[in-house]
């Protein structure tokens, strides 16, 4: 981990988007459709919600890595990012 706001923001003006925990996202988990897509949405419901793996070894710290957990899952390393303008 690192001190809050100790690195530059990303392209969307968000600080600290990598390196501290798994982040819940709005998508339900399913395989993506084949082919290129911008902001693929996934199914309307499923048994698992997507979490982005944003901490761990250098090979794991990428928002493109995603996993799924049942919505009732909780833990010290799972959180949500509140962002607004």
N, C-alpha and C. Protein backbone atom coordinates (compact mmCIF):
# COMPACT_ATOMS: atom_id res chain seq x y z
N UNK A 1 0.84 -1.19 0.00
CA UNK A 1 0.00 0.00 0.00
C UNK A 1 0.88 1.25 0.00
N UNK A 2 0.26 2.37 -0.21
CA UNK A 2 0.99 3.63 -0.21
C UNK A 2 0.11 4.72 0.39
N UNK A 3 0.70 5.84 0.70
CA UNK A 3 -0.05 6.94 1.29
C UNK A 3 -1.11 7.43 0.31
N UNK A 4 -2.26 7.78 0.83
CA UNK A 4 -3.37 8.27 0.02
C UNK A 4 -2.95 9.51 -0.77
N UNK A 5 -3.34 9.55 -2.04
CA UNK A 5 -3.04 10.67 -2.96
C UNK A 5 -1.55 10.93 -3.13
N UNK A 6 -0.74 9.90 -3.00
CA UNK A 6 0.71 10.09 -3.16
C UNK A 6 1.16 9.88 -4.60
N UNK A 7 0.27 9.48 -5.48
CA UNK A 7 0.58 9.34 -6.90
C UNK A 7 -0.44 10.15 -7.71
N UNK A 8 -0.14 10.39 -8.95
CA UNK A 8 -1.01 11.21 -9.80
C UNK A 8 -2.35 10.51 -10.05
N UNK A 9 -3.35 11.29 -10.41
CA UNK A 9 -4.66 10.73 -10.75
C UNK A 9 -4.59 9.99 -12.08
N UNK A 10 -5.59 9.15 -12.34
CA UNK A 10 -5.67 8.49 -13.64
C UNK A 10 -6.39 9.41 -14.63
N UNK A 11 -6.70 8.91 -15.81
CA UNK A 11 -7.31 9.73 -16.86
C UNK A 11 -8.68 10.27 -16.47
N UNK A 12 -9.35 9.66 -15.49
CA UNK A 12 -10.68 10.09 -15.06
C UNK A 12 -10.62 10.93 -13.79
N UNK A 13 -9.41 11.31 -13.35
CA UNK A 13 -9.26 12.14 -12.17
C UNK A 13 -9.39 11.41 -10.85
N UNK A 14 -9.31 10.07 -10.87
CA UNK A 14 -9.42 9.28 -9.65
C UNK A 14 -8.04 8.96 -9.10
N UNK A 15 -7.89 9.09 -7.80
CA UNK A 15 -6.65 8.72 -7.12
C UNK A 15 -6.70 7.25 -6.70
N UNK A 16 -5.53 6.65 -6.58
CA UNK A 16 -5.37 5.37 -5.90
C UNK A 16 -6.30 4.27 -6.42
N UNK A 17 -6.38 4.12 -7.72
CA UNK A 17 -7.28 3.11 -8.27
C UNK A 17 -6.68 1.71 -8.23
N UNK A 18 -5.42 1.57 -7.91
CA UNK A 18 -4.78 0.26 -7.82
C UNK A 18 -4.00 0.14 -6.53
N UNK A 19 -3.93 -1.06 -6.01
CA UNK A 19 -2.98 -1.34 -4.96
C UNK A 19 -3.50 -1.54 -3.56
N UNK A 20 -4.80 -1.45 -3.30
CA UNK A 20 -5.23 -1.53 -1.92
C UNK A 20 -6.26 -2.62 -1.61
N UNK A 21 -7.13 -2.98 -2.52
CA UNK A 21 -8.14 -3.99 -2.24
C UNK A 21 -8.85 -4.47 -3.49
N UNK A 22 -9.70 -5.48 -3.32
CA UNK A 22 -10.60 -5.90 -4.40
C UNK A 22 -11.75 -4.91 -4.39
N UNK A 23 -12.19 -4.47 -5.57
CA UNK A 23 -13.28 -3.51 -5.64
C UNK A 23 -14.50 -4.11 -6.31
N UNK A 24 -15.64 -4.00 -5.62
CA UNK A 24 -16.91 -4.39 -6.23
C UNK A 24 -17.21 -3.46 -7.40
N UNK A 25 -17.76 -4.01 -8.46
CA UNK A 25 -18.27 -3.18 -9.56
C UNK A 25 -19.73 -3.54 -9.79
N UNK A 26 -20.43 -2.81 -10.62
CA UNK A 26 -21.87 -3.00 -10.81
C UNK A 26 -22.21 -4.26 -11.59
N UNK A 27 -21.30 -4.78 -12.38
CA UNK A 27 -21.60 -5.90 -13.26
C UNK A 27 -21.81 -7.23 -12.53
N UNK A 28 -22.74 -8.00 -13.04
CA UNK A 28 -22.85 -9.40 -12.65
C UNK A 28 -21.82 -10.17 -13.45
N UNK A 29 -21.31 -11.28 -12.93
CA UNK A 29 -20.23 -12.01 -13.59
C UNK A 29 -20.76 -12.99 -14.63
N UNK A 30 -20.14 -12.97 -15.79
CA UNK A 30 -20.39 -13.91 -16.88
C UNK A 30 -19.25 -13.76 -17.87
N UNK A 31 -19.14 -14.68 -18.78
CA UNK A 31 -18.13 -14.55 -19.83
C UNK A 31 -18.49 -13.38 -20.73
N UNK A 32 -17.48 -12.63 -21.15
CA UNK A 32 -17.70 -11.57 -22.12
C UNK A 32 -18.01 -12.17 -23.47
N UNK A 33 -18.78 -11.46 -24.26
CA UNK A 33 -19.02 -11.86 -25.65
C UNK A 33 -17.71 -11.76 -26.41
N UNK A 34 -17.58 -12.57 -27.46
CA UNK A 34 -16.34 -12.53 -28.25
C UNK A 34 -16.28 -11.22 -29.05
N UNK A 35 -15.08 -10.83 -29.41
CA UNK A 35 -14.89 -9.62 -30.19
C UNK A 35 -14.59 -8.42 -29.32
N UNK A 36 -14.29 -7.31 -29.97
CA UNK A 36 -13.96 -6.08 -29.27
C UNK A 36 -15.22 -5.42 -28.71
N UNK A 37 -15.10 -4.80 -27.56
CA UNK A 37 -16.23 -4.08 -26.96
C UNK A 37 -15.69 -2.97 -26.08
N UNK A 38 -16.44 -1.89 -25.99
CA UNK A 38 -16.13 -0.81 -25.07
C UNK A 38 -17.16 -0.88 -23.96
N UNK A 39 -16.70 -0.98 -22.72
CA UNK A 39 -17.55 -1.06 -21.54
C UNK A 39 -18.60 -2.17 -21.67
N UNK A 40 -18.17 -3.42 -21.82
CA UNK A 40 -19.15 -4.52 -21.90
C UNK A 40 -19.96 -4.61 -20.62
N UNK A 41 -21.24 -4.88 -20.72
CA UNK A 41 -22.14 -4.81 -19.57
C UNK A 41 -22.38 -6.14 -18.85
N UNK A 42 -22.30 -7.25 -19.51
CA UNK A 42 -22.58 -8.51 -18.83
C UNK A 42 -24.07 -8.73 -18.67
N UNK A 43 -24.46 -9.82 -17.98
CA UNK A 43 -25.88 -10.16 -17.86
C UNK A 43 -26.61 -9.26 -16.86
N UNK A 44 -27.95 -9.33 -16.87
CA UNK A 44 -28.74 -8.53 -15.93
C UNK A 44 -28.72 -9.13 -14.53
N UNK A 45 -28.41 -10.43 -14.40
CA UNK A 45 -28.26 -11.04 -13.09
C UNK A 45 -27.45 -12.33 -13.22
N UNK A 46 -26.92 -12.78 -12.10
CA UNK A 46 -26.09 -13.97 -12.05
C UNK A 46 -25.95 -14.36 -10.58
N UNK A 47 -25.17 -15.38 -10.30
CA UNK A 47 -24.94 -15.76 -8.90
C UNK A 47 -23.80 -14.99 -8.27
N UNK A 48 -22.98 -14.33 -9.10
CA UNK A 48 -21.82 -13.62 -8.59
C UNK A 48 -21.75 -12.21 -9.17
N UNK A 49 -21.26 -11.28 -8.35
CA UNK A 49 -20.93 -9.93 -8.79
C UNK A 49 -19.45 -9.89 -9.12
N UNK A 50 -19.07 -8.98 -9.99
CA UNK A 50 -17.67 -8.84 -10.37
C UNK A 50 -16.91 -8.04 -9.31
N UNK A 51 -15.71 -8.52 -8.99
CA UNK A 51 -14.74 -7.74 -8.21
C UNK A 51 -13.50 -7.61 -9.07
N UNK A 52 -12.94 -6.43 -9.09
CA UNK A 52 -11.68 -6.19 -9.80
C UNK A 52 -10.54 -6.44 -8.84
N UNK A 53 -9.56 -7.20 -9.28
CA UNK A 53 -8.40 -7.52 -8.44
C UNK A 53 -7.39 -6.40 -8.58
N UNK A 54 -7.37 -5.52 -7.61
CA UNK A 54 -6.50 -4.35 -7.71
C UNK A 54 -5.39 -4.33 -6.68
N UNK A 55 -5.08 -5.49 -6.11
CA UNK A 55 -3.93 -5.56 -5.22
C UNK A 55 -3.31 -6.94 -5.32
N UNK A 56 -2.10 -7.05 -4.85
CA UNK A 56 -1.38 -8.31 -4.91
C UNK A 56 -0.05 -8.10 -5.60
N UNK A 57 0.51 -9.17 -6.14
CA UNK A 57 1.77 -9.08 -6.85
C UNK A 57 1.62 -8.27 -8.13
N UNK A 58 2.73 -7.87 -8.71
CA UNK A 58 2.69 -6.99 -9.88
C UNK A 58 1.91 -7.59 -11.03
N UNK A 59 1.86 -8.91 -11.15
CA UNK A 59 1.09 -9.54 -12.24
C UNK A 59 -0.41 -9.46 -11.98
N UNK A 60 -0.83 -9.14 -10.76
CA UNK A 60 -2.25 -9.08 -10.41
C UNK A 60 -2.81 -7.66 -10.35
N UNK A 61 -1.96 -6.67 -10.27
CA UNK A 61 -2.43 -5.30 -10.08
C UNK A 61 -2.80 -4.69 -11.43
N UNK A 62 -3.97 -5.08 -11.91
CA UNK A 62 -4.50 -4.59 -13.19
C UNK A 62 -6.01 -4.61 -13.09
N UNK A 63 -6.67 -3.54 -13.49
CA UNK A 63 -8.13 -3.54 -13.45
C UNK A 63 -8.74 -4.49 -14.48
N UNK A 64 -7.94 -4.95 -15.44
CA UNK A 64 -8.47 -5.89 -16.41
C UNK A 64 -8.64 -7.29 -15.83
N UNK A 65 -8.06 -7.54 -14.66
CA UNK A 65 -8.26 -8.83 -14.00
C UNK A 65 -9.52 -8.74 -13.16
N UNK A 66 -10.45 -9.65 -13.39
CA UNK A 66 -11.69 -9.63 -12.64
C UNK A 66 -12.01 -11.01 -12.12
N UNK A 67 -12.77 -11.06 -11.08
CA UNK A 67 -13.18 -12.31 -10.47
C UNK A 67 -14.63 -12.13 -10.07
N UNK A 68 -15.24 -13.15 -9.54
CA UNK A 68 -16.62 -13.05 -9.10
C UNK A 68 -16.78 -13.59 -7.70
N UNK A 69 -17.66 -12.96 -6.95
CA UNK A 69 -17.99 -13.40 -5.60
C UNK A 69 -19.50 -13.27 -5.41
N UNK A 70 -20.09 -14.14 -4.58
CA UNK A 70 -21.51 -13.96 -4.24
C UNK A 70 -21.70 -12.59 -3.59
N UNK A 71 -22.81 -11.90 -3.86
CA UNK A 71 -23.02 -10.54 -3.34
C UNK A 71 -22.93 -10.43 -1.82
N UNK A 72 -23.21 -11.50 -1.10
CA UNK A 72 -23.15 -11.43 0.37
C UNK A 72 -21.73 -11.55 0.93
N UNK A 73 -20.73 -11.74 0.05
CA UNK A 73 -19.33 -11.86 0.49
C UNK A 73 -18.86 -10.56 1.13
N UNK A 74 -17.99 -10.69 2.12
CA UNK A 74 -17.39 -9.52 2.75
C UNK A 74 -16.02 -9.91 3.29
N UNK A 75 -15.19 -8.91 3.54
CA UNK A 75 -13.86 -9.14 4.08
C UNK A 75 -13.09 -7.85 4.14
N UNK A 76 -11.98 -7.90 4.84
CA UNK A 76 -11.14 -6.71 5.02
C UNK A 76 -10.48 -6.27 3.72
N UNK A 77 -10.44 -7.14 2.71
CA UNK A 77 -9.78 -6.79 1.45
C UNK A 77 -10.76 -6.60 0.30
N UNK A 78 -12.04 -6.36 0.60
CA UNK A 78 -13.06 -6.15 -0.42
C UNK A 78 -13.75 -4.82 -0.12
N UNK A 79 -13.87 -3.95 -1.12
CA UNK A 79 -14.49 -2.65 -0.87
C UNK A 79 -15.15 -2.11 -2.11
N UNK A 80 -15.58 -0.88 -2.03
CA UNK A 80 -16.24 -0.20 -3.13
C UNK A 80 -15.66 1.20 -3.22
N UNK A 81 -15.56 1.74 -4.43
CA UNK A 81 -15.06 3.10 -4.61
C UNK A 81 -16.25 4.02 -4.84
N UNK A 82 -16.34 5.03 -4.05
CA UNK A 82 -17.38 6.05 -4.22
C UNK A 82 -16.76 7.20 -5.01
N UNK A 83 -17.30 7.48 -6.15
CA UNK A 83 -16.76 8.55 -6.99
C UNK A 83 -17.90 9.41 -7.51
N UNK A 84 -17.70 10.66 -7.57
CA UNK A 84 -18.71 11.56 -8.09
C UNK A 84 -18.06 12.82 -8.62
N UNK A 85 -18.87 13.68 -9.14
CA UNK A 85 -18.33 14.94 -9.63
C UNK A 85 -19.11 16.11 -9.10
